[in-house]
Amino acid sequence: MTNYTQIPIHFVVGAARSGTTLLRTILNAHPHIYCTGEVRHTMAFYSTYGNQQPISEQFITNFKQYELLRFGNVGKKKEKKALLLAKMDEVLGDLRPQLPTMDYAQLSKYLLLNSSKIAEQKQVNVLMNKNPDYCFYIDELLKIHPEAKFLACIRDPRAVVLSHQEHKGFNDFSQYMGDSAAAVSYFWKWSNEAILAAQAKYPNKILLVPYEQMVTDKENLLHKICSFLNIEFDQAMLTHEQQQSTTTTETPNSNANNTNTPKTATEWEQWKTDNRNQAVFTNRLAAWKQKLSTRNQEICNTISAATAIKLGYDTAPPSLLKQTWLLFSCLPQIALGYITTTLFIRHYFHLPFSWRLLLAKYLKVRK
């Protein structure tokens, strides 16, 4: 492997359920790209260690605390958890003597490259980290990694609402606020407004990646992505479903042609593994037209239309009177969405590390 400090790092971001996992799977089909799952080490420790050099020995203790809680909260099977703990001990054992010579950017890359065995199986020339919530932390990430670029996944907000409802209880968002159309729509709006603001601020750093184009015009989109990242296009990305399943924690591809909804955290983990590398199905693109209720479509259009139009989605809110009534009737869900999104997503990594450990321990926060 190339000296890890010289490997460029980029990020995949976007509102949850917008295709970040599909994009991650496609990228990992490239022989020289390694894209992690939702490994949040970079921001998880930034507030404490971001300005330290050298990194103190206390990092090892904090990292173990963080990982032990995370493994418990995401519903890993006992055998899988044992393997992950063994891997963690191995990584930390190798890391310990290097800490005195590292800055935070180097530590970030080291942890991401060692988050899965997949990186050991290829010549990694480009490192990527998939974290939908990082759309709110682009300023911080560019302070750590000034060379980084961002692939920002976007998707029709009505399709996102439907996807959240179909996966209620098995992703970070629904852990906090269920499947409320109003809460999801506001979260979609906040996430995509953050992306648009970052694009205006860093026009050469952000590339919008429409989910719909990933499904219907994948090859042209991938050529554009490779050009943006300054890497050579590889045909293997067009047949990502033939690649081996990876082992990191992530959210499943909702394109998978599987209707057996998991009911427990363990079943969810297995469902993710089984569906991660399914072929892409175009019949999911307009599913919201049949499966999303008229009321939920109107709620979504009322809240998200202005942002959706900026992104090229054809949405039209109902009459002003209807909008007023819908917003009034959804005030409790909107308030809950605002509070929980602010606390657990938009500003979560700004909280002191000790507070986040308590949230993970007592509220089972999974990040």
Protein backbone atom coordinates (compact mmCIF):
# COMPACT_ATOMS: atom_id res chain seq x y z
CA MET A 1 0.00 0.00 0.00
CA THR A 2 1.14 3.53 -0.75
CA ASN A 3 2.31 5.48 2.29
CA TYR A 4 -1.06 6.21 3.91
CA THR A 5 -0.16 9.82 4.69
CA GLN A 6 0.11 10.48 0.94
CA ILE A 7 -3.24 8.92 0.01
CA PRO A 8 -5.90 11.57 -0.79
CA ILE A 9 -9.10 11.39 1.24
CA HIS A 10 -12.61 12.35 0.15
CA PHE A 11 -16.10 12.03 1.64
CA VAL A 12 -19.56 10.80 0.62
CA VAL A 13 -22.33 12.84 2.28
CA GLY A 14 -26.04 13.54 1.87
CA ALA A 15 -29.39 13.28 3.62
CA ALA A 16 -29.91 9.75 4.91
CA ARG A 17 -31.64 7.40 2.42
CA SER A 18 -30.32 9.39 -0.57
CA GLY A 19 -28.10 6.70 -2.08
CA THR A 20 -24.86 7.05 -0.11
CA THR A 21 -24.61 3.29 0.43
CA LEU A 22 -25.26 2.53 -3.22
CA LEU A 23 -22.52 5.00 -4.17
CA ARG A 24 -20.17 3.51 -1.60
CA THR A 25 -20.68 0.01 -3.00
CA ILE A 26 -20.05 1.25 -6.55
CA LEU A 27 -16.87 3.09 -5.52
CA ASN A 28 -15.53 0.04 -3.72
CA ALA A 29 -15.78 -1.94 -6.96
CA HIS A 30 -12.90 0.21 -8.24
CA PRO A 31 -9.62 -1.66 -7.64
CA HIS A 32 -7.86 1.41 -6.22
CA ILE A 33 -10.61 3.08 -4.15
CA TYR A 34 -11.46 2.17 -0.59
CA CYS A 35 -14.66 3.77 0.70
CA THR A 36 -15.48 3.01 4.33
CA GLY A 37 -18.95 2.59 5.75
CA GLU A 38 -20.27 4.96 8.40
CA VAL A 39 -17.07 5.05 10.42
CA ARG A 40 -17.27 8.36 12.28
CA HIS A 41 -13.85 8.41 13.94
CA THR A 42 -12.75 11.62 12.21
CA MET A 43 -15.44 13.82 13.77
CA ALA A 44 -15.98 11.70 16.88
CA PHE A 45 -12.58 12.67 18.30
CA TYR A 46 -11.99 15.99 16.57
CA SER A 47 -13.23 18.23 19.40
CA THR A 48 -10.82 16.59 21.85
CA TYR A 49 -7.79 15.74 19.73
CA GLY A 50 -8.11 17.84 16.58
CA ASN A 51 -5.53 20.39 17.69
CA GLN A 52 -3.22 18.05 19.60
CA GLN A 53 0.24 17.24 18.34
CA PRO A 54 1.44 14.82 19.33
CA ILE A 55 -1.77 12.90 20.08
CA SER A 56 -1.86 11.96 23.77
CA GLU A 57 -1.96 8.37 25.06
CA GLN A 58 -5.46 9.07 26.44
CA PHE A 59 -6.74 8.67 22.89
CA ILE A 60 -6.32 4.88 23.13
CA THR A 61 -8.59 4.74 26.19
CA ASN A 62 -11.20 7.02 24.65
CA PHE A 63 -11.20 5.06 21.41
CA LYS A 64 -11.84 1.79 23.25
CA GLN A 65 -14.72 3.34 25.23
CA TYR A 66 -16.28 4.68 22.05
CA GLU A 67 -15.98 1.45 20.05
CA LEU A 68 -17.28 -0.80 22.83
CA LEU A 69 -20.43 1.30 23.18
CA ARG A 70 -20.90 1.54 19.42
CA PHE A 71 -20.57 -2.22 18.88
CA GLY A 72 -23.22 -2.81 21.52
CA ASN A 73 -25.66 -0.23 20.14
CA VAL A 74 -25.63 -1.28 16.48
CA GLY A 75 -26.78 -4.85 17.22
CA LYS A 76 -23.72 -6.85 16.22
CA LYS A 77 -23.90 -10.61 16.63
CA LYS A 78 -21.72 -12.04 19.39
CA GLU A 79 -19.26 -13.66 16.98
CA LYS A 80 -19.03 -10.54 14.82
CA LYS A 81 -18.48 -8.36 17.87
CA ALA A 82 -15.63 -10.65 19.04
CA LEU A 83 -13.94 -10.31 15.64
CA LEU A 84 -14.33 -6.54 15.69
CA LEU A 85 -12.88 -6.29 19.20
CA ALA A 86 -9.91 -8.43 18.16
CA LYS A 87 -9.40 -6.17 15.13
CA MET A 88 -9.61 -3.09 17.37
CA ASP A 89 -6.93 -4.44 19.72
CA GLU A 90 -4.68 -5.20 16.75
CA VAL A 91 -5.14 -1.71 15.26
CA LEU A 92 -4.54 0.03 18.60
CA GLY A 93 -1.49 -2.11 19.27
CA ASP A 94 0.04 -0.96 15.99
CA LEU A 95 -1.11 2.61 16.54
CA ARG A 96 0.24 3.15 20.06
CA PRO A 97 3.96 3.57 19.16
CA GLN A 98 3.07 5.86 16.25
CA LEU A 99 0.93 8.35 18.22
CA PRO A 100 3.84 10.61 19.29
CA THR A 101 4.69 11.29 15.63
CA MET A 102 1.14 11.82 14.32
CA ASP A 103 -1.00 14.85 13.70
CA TYR A 104 -4.79 14.54 13.64
CA ALA A 105 -5.07 14.28 9.85
CA GLN A 106 -2.69 11.32 9.86
CA LEU A 107 -4.57 9.70 12.74
CA SER A 108 -7.85 10.12 10.85
CA LYS A 109 -6.51 8.41 7.73
CA TYR A 110 -4.89 5.64 9.73
CA LEU A 111 -8.12 4.75 11.53
CA LEU A 112 -10.21 4.82 8.36
CA LEU A 113 -7.76 2.65 6.41
CA ASN A 114 -7.80 0.13 9.24
CA SER A 115 -11.59 0.04 9.65
CA SER A 116 -12.01 -3.05 7.44
CA LYS A 117 -9.96 -5.81 5.88
CA ILE A 118 -11.08 -4.69 2.42
CA ALA A 119 -8.32 -2.06 2.40
CA GLU A 120 -5.75 -4.83 2.86
CA GLN A 121 -6.98 -6.60 -0.27
CA LYS A 122 -6.30 -3.85 -2.80
CA GLN A 123 -3.78 -1.18 -3.75
CA VAL A 124 -5.53 1.85 -2.23
CA ASN A 125 -4.79 5.07 -4.10
CA VAL A 126 -7.89 6.95 -2.95
CA LEU A 127 -9.47 6.78 0.52
CA MET A 128 -13.12 7.72 1.01
CA ASN A 129 -15.38 7.89 4.04
CA LYS A 130 -19.16 7.59 3.72
CA ASN A 131 -21.06 9.49 6.40
CA PRO A 132 -24.38 11.11 5.41
CA ASP A 133 -24.36 13.39 8.49
CA TYR A 134 -21.01 14.88 7.55
CA CYS A 135 -22.85 17.31 5.25
CA PHE A 136 -23.11 19.42 8.42
CA TYR A 137 -19.36 19.22 9.15
CA ILE A 138 -17.74 20.16 5.84
CA ASP A 139 -15.96 23.21 7.31
CA GLU A 140 -14.34 21.09 10.04
CA LEU A 141 -13.41 18.29 7.65
CA LEU A 142 -11.67 20.74 5.34
CA LYS A 143 -9.68 22.08 8.28
CA ILE A 144 -8.45 18.54 8.93
CA HIS A 145 -8.08 17.50 5.28
CA PRO A 146 -7.76 20.61 3.06
CA GLU A 147 -7.34 18.42 -0.03
CA ALA A 148 -10.67 16.61 0.50
CA LYS A 149 -13.58 16.66 -1.94
CA PHE A 150 -17.20 15.73 -1.29
CA LEU A 151 -19.64 13.61 -3.27
CA ALA A 152 -23.05 14.85 -2.09
CA CYS A 153 -25.86 12.40 -2.79
CA ILE A 154 -29.24 13.97 -3.50
CA ARG A 155 -32.63 12.32 -4.02
CA ASP A 156 -36.27 13.32 -4.50
CA PRO A 157 -37.53 14.23 -1.00
CA ARG A 158 -40.73 12.20 -1.41
CA ALA A 159 -38.71 9.08 -2.16
CA VAL A 160 -36.60 9.80 0.92
CA VAL A 161 -39.72 10.10 3.12
CA LEU A 162 -41.00 6.76 1.80
CA SER A 163 -37.62 5.09 2.38
CA HIS A 164 -37.53 6.29 5.99
CA GLN A 165 -41.03 4.96 6.56
CA GLU A 166 -40.10 1.58 5.10
CA HIS A 167 -37.02 1.33 7.33
CA LYS A 168 -38.50 2.75 10.53
CA GLY A 169 -36.48 1.88 13.62
CA PHE A 170 -33.39 0.66 11.80
CA ASN A 171 -31.42 3.82 11.08
CA ASP A 172 -30.08 6.65 13.20
CA PHE A 173 -32.77 9.11 12.13
CA SER A 174 -35.76 6.93 13.02
CA GLN A 175 -34.04 6.03 16.29
CA TYR A 176 -34.72 9.62 17.34
CA MET A 177 -37.92 10.65 15.55
CA GLY A 178 -39.63 7.69 13.93
CA ASP A 179 -40.99 8.06 10.40
CA SER A 180 -42.87 11.36 10.59
CA ALA A 181 -43.16 12.84 7.06
CA ALA A 182 -42.80 16.33 8.52
CA ALA A 183 -39.67 15.50 10.52
CA VAL A 184 -38.06 13.63 7.62
CA SER A 185 -38.90 16.44 5.19
CA TYR A 186 -37.35 19.06 7.45
CA PHE A 187 -34.28 16.89 7.93
CA TRP A 188 -34.00 16.47 4.15
CA LYS A 189 -34.32 20.24 3.76
CA TRP A 190 -31.67 21.02 6.40
CA SER A 191 -29.24 18.46 4.96
CA ASN A 192 -29.57 19.66 1.39
CA GLU A 193 -29.47 23.35 2.31
CA ALA A 194 -26.19 22.57 4.12
CA ILE A 195 -24.91 20.91 0.95
CA LEU A 196 -25.95 23.85 -1.23
CA ALA A 197 -24.34 26.32 1.18
CA ALA A 198 -21.11 24.32 1.13
CA GLN A 199 -21.22 24.16 -2.66
CA ALA A 200 -21.56 27.94 -2.84
CA LYS A 201 -18.67 28.35 -0.38
CA TYR A 202 -16.42 25.66 -1.90
CA PRO A 203 -17.56 25.37 -5.56
CA ASN A 204 -14.63 23.14 -6.57
CA LYS A 205 -15.03 20.81 -3.60
CA ILE A 206 -18.65 19.61 -3.86
CA LEU A 207 -20.14 17.42 -6.59
CA LEU A 208 -23.87 16.69 -6.51
CA VAL A 209 -24.62 13.02 -7.19
CA PRO A 210 -28.32 12.48 -8.02
CA TYR A 211 -29.62 9.10 -6.91
CA GLU A 212 -31.84 8.96 -9.96
CA GLN A 213 -28.84 9.28 -12.29
CA MET A 214 -26.99 6.55 -10.38
CA VAL A 215 -29.90 4.27 -11.29
CA THR A 216 -30.62 5.36 -14.88
CA ASP A 217 -27.34 6.77 -16.24
CA LYS A 218 -24.67 5.23 -14.07
CA GLU A 219 -21.79 5.13 -16.56
CA ASN A 220 -21.89 8.83 -17.47
CA LEU A 221 -22.24 9.79 -13.83
CA LEU A 222 -19.28 7.61 -12.82
CA HIS A 223 -17.08 9.15 -15.51
CA LYS A 224 -17.99 12.55 -14.06
CA ILE A 225 -17.21 11.38 -10.50
CA CYS A 226 -13.85 9.92 -11.51
CA SER A 227 -12.91 13.12 -13.32
CA PHE A 228 -13.90 15.15 -10.25
CA LEU A 229 -11.74 12.96 -7.99
CA ASN A 230 -8.86 12.86 -10.50
CA ILE A 231 -8.87 9.07 -10.74
CA GLU A 232 -9.09 6.76 -13.73
CA PHE A 233 -12.50 5.29 -14.49
CA ASP A 234 -12.72 1.50 -14.12
CA GLN A 235 -15.33 -0.71 -15.79
CA ALA A 236 -15.68 -2.78 -12.61
CA MET A 237 -17.79 -0.01 -11.09
CA LEU A 238 -20.53 -0.77 -13.62
CA THR A 239 -20.94 -4.27 -12.18
CA HIS A 240 -20.67 -3.45 -8.48
CA GLU A 241 -23.21 -6.14 -7.59
CA GLN A 242 -20.63 -8.79 -8.48
CA GLN A 243 -18.18 -7.58 -5.86
CA GLN A 244 -17.72 -9.24 -2.49
CA SER A 245 -19.77 -7.95 0.44
CA THR A 246 -17.88 -5.74 2.84
CA THR A 247 -17.88 -5.95 6.62
CA THR A 248 -18.29 -2.43 7.94
CA THR A 249 -21.46 -1.02 9.50
CA GLU A 250 -23.68 0.85 7.08
CA THR A 251 -27.23 1.45 5.89
CA PRO A 252 -28.58 -0.93 3.23
CA ASN A 253 -29.33 -0.19 -0.39
CA SER A 254 -33.08 0.33 -0.56
CA ASN A 255 -32.98 -0.72 -4.22
CA ALA A 256 -32.51 -4.30 -3.16
CA ASN A 257 -35.36 -6.43 -4.47
CA ASN A 258 -36.17 -7.84 -1.06
CA THR A 259 -39.41 -7.24 0.77
CA ASN A 260 -38.67 -9.22 3.94
CA THR A 261 -38.45 -6.35 6.40
CA PRO A 262 -36.18 -7.08 9.39
CA LYS A 263 -37.73 -6.86 12.85
CA THR A 264 -34.73 -6.92 15.19
CA ALA A 265 -31.30 -5.28 15.24
CA THR A 266 -29.65 -8.64 14.51
CA GLU A 267 -31.98 -9.32 11.59
CA TRP A 268 -31.21 -5.80 10.33
CA GLU A 269 -27.48 -6.53 10.32
CA GLN A 270 -28.06 -9.74 8.33
CA TRP A 271 -30.46 -7.97 5.95
CA LYS A 272 -27.82 -5.36 5.23
CA THR A 273 -25.22 -8.01 4.43
CA ASP A 274 -27.61 -9.91 2.15
CA ASN A 275 -28.80 -6.83 0.22
CA ARG A 276 -25.75 -4.62 0.03
CA ASN A 277 -24.59 -5.76 -3.39
CA GLN A 278 -27.89 -6.35 -5.16
CA ALA A 279 -28.29 -5.02 -8.68
CA VAL A 280 -30.02 -1.64 -9.01
CA PHE A 281 -33.75 -1.71 -9.72
CA THR A 282 -35.36 1.23 -11.50
CA ASN A 283 -38.82 0.36 -10.21
CA ARG A 284 -37.99 2.10 -6.93
CA LEU A 285 -37.59 5.53 -8.52
CA ALA A 286 -41.28 6.45 -8.56
CA ALA A 287 -42.51 4.11 -5.82
CA TRP A 288 -43.46 7.11 -3.68
CA LYS A 289 -46.26 7.99 -6.15
CA GLN A 290 -48.12 4.80 -5.23
CA LYS A 291 -46.90 4.06 -1.72
CA LEU A 292 -46.71 7.50 -0.09
CA SER A 293 -50.09 8.82 1.06
CA THR A 294 -51.46 12.00 -0.52
CA ARG A 295 -51.27 13.77 2.85
CA ASN A 296 -47.60 12.82 3.30
CA GLN A 297 -46.82 13.93 -0.24
CA GLU A 298 -48.45 17.30 0.51
CA ILE A 299 -46.55 17.63 3.80
CA CYS A 300 -43.29 16.86 2.04
CA ASN A 301 -44.00 19.33 -0.78
CA THR A 302 -44.99 22.04 1.69
CA ILE A 303 -41.75 21.76 3.63
CA SER A 304 -39.21 20.84 0.97
CA ALA A 305 -40.41 22.41 -2.30
CA ALA A 306 -38.11 25.46 -2.29
CA THR A 307 -35.00 23.37 -1.72
CA ALA A 308 -36.16 20.59 -4.05
CA ILE A 309 -36.62 23.06 -6.90
CA LYS A 310 -33.04 24.31 -6.41
CA LEU A 311 -31.90 20.72 -6.89
CA GLY A 312 -34.02 20.19 -10.01
CA TYR A 313 -36.91 18.19 -8.55
CA ASP A 314 -40.39 18.93 -9.83
CA THR A 315 -42.42 19.68 -6.73
CA ALA A 316 -45.39 21.94 -6.16
CA PRO A 317 -46.74 22.77 -2.69
CA PRO A 318 -50.52 22.84 -2.11
CA SER A 319 -52.48 26.05 -1.63
CA LEU A 320 -51.33 28.53 1.01
CA LEU A 321 -54.32 27.69 3.19
CA LYS A 322 -53.58 23.97 2.95
CA GLN A 323 -49.90 24.58 3.72
CA THR A 324 -50.82 26.56 6.82
CA TRP A 325 -53.11 23.80 8.07
CA LEU A 326 -50.58 21.06 7.36
CA LEU A 327 -47.81 22.90 9.19
CA PHE A 328 -50.07 23.62 12.15
CA SER A 329 -51.20 19.99 12.38
CA CYS A 330 -47.59 18.79 12.25
CA LEU A 331 -46.15 21.20 14.84
CA PRO A 332 -45.34 18.49 17.43
CA GLN A 333 -43.45 16.39 14.86
CA ILE A 334 -41.68 19.45 13.50
CA ALA A 335 -40.63 20.50 17.00
CA LEU A 336 -39.40 16.99 17.78
CA GLY A 337 -37.55 16.87 14.47
CA TYR A 338 -35.89 20.21 15.12
CA ILE A 339 -34.75 19.32 18.63
CA THR A 340 -33.50 15.85 17.87
CA THR A 341 -31.85 16.78 14.57
CA THR A 342 -30.08 19.69 16.23
CA LEU A 343 -28.91 17.59 19.18
CA PHE A 344 -28.15 14.22 17.58
CA ILE A 345 -27.10 15.15 14.05
CA ARG A 346 -26.34 18.79 13.17
CA HIS A 347 -24.34 19.56 16.32
CA TYR A 348 -23.76 16.12 17.78
CA PHE A 349 -20.00 16.11 17.25
CA HIS A 350 -19.71 19.55 18.80
CA LEU A 351 -20.83 18.09 22.14
CA PRO A 352 -18.08 17.18 24.64
CA PHE A 353 -16.84 13.61 24.19
CA SER A 354 -17.93 12.67 27.73
CA TRP A 355 -21.51 13.80 26.97
CA ARG A 356 -21.58 11.69 23.82
CA LEU A 357 -20.42 8.65 25.76
CA LEU A 358 -23.35 9.15 28.15
CA LEU A 359 -25.80 9.50 25.25
CA ALA A 360 -24.44 6.31 23.73
CA LYS A 361 -24.64 4.49 27.03
CA TYR A 362 -28.09 5.56 28.23
CA LEU A 363 -29.94 6.53 25.02
CA LYS A 364 -28.24 3.90 22.83
CA VAL A 365 -27.11 6.50 20.29
CA ARG A 366 -25.39 4.53 17.53
CA LYS A 367 -22.63 6.95 16.56
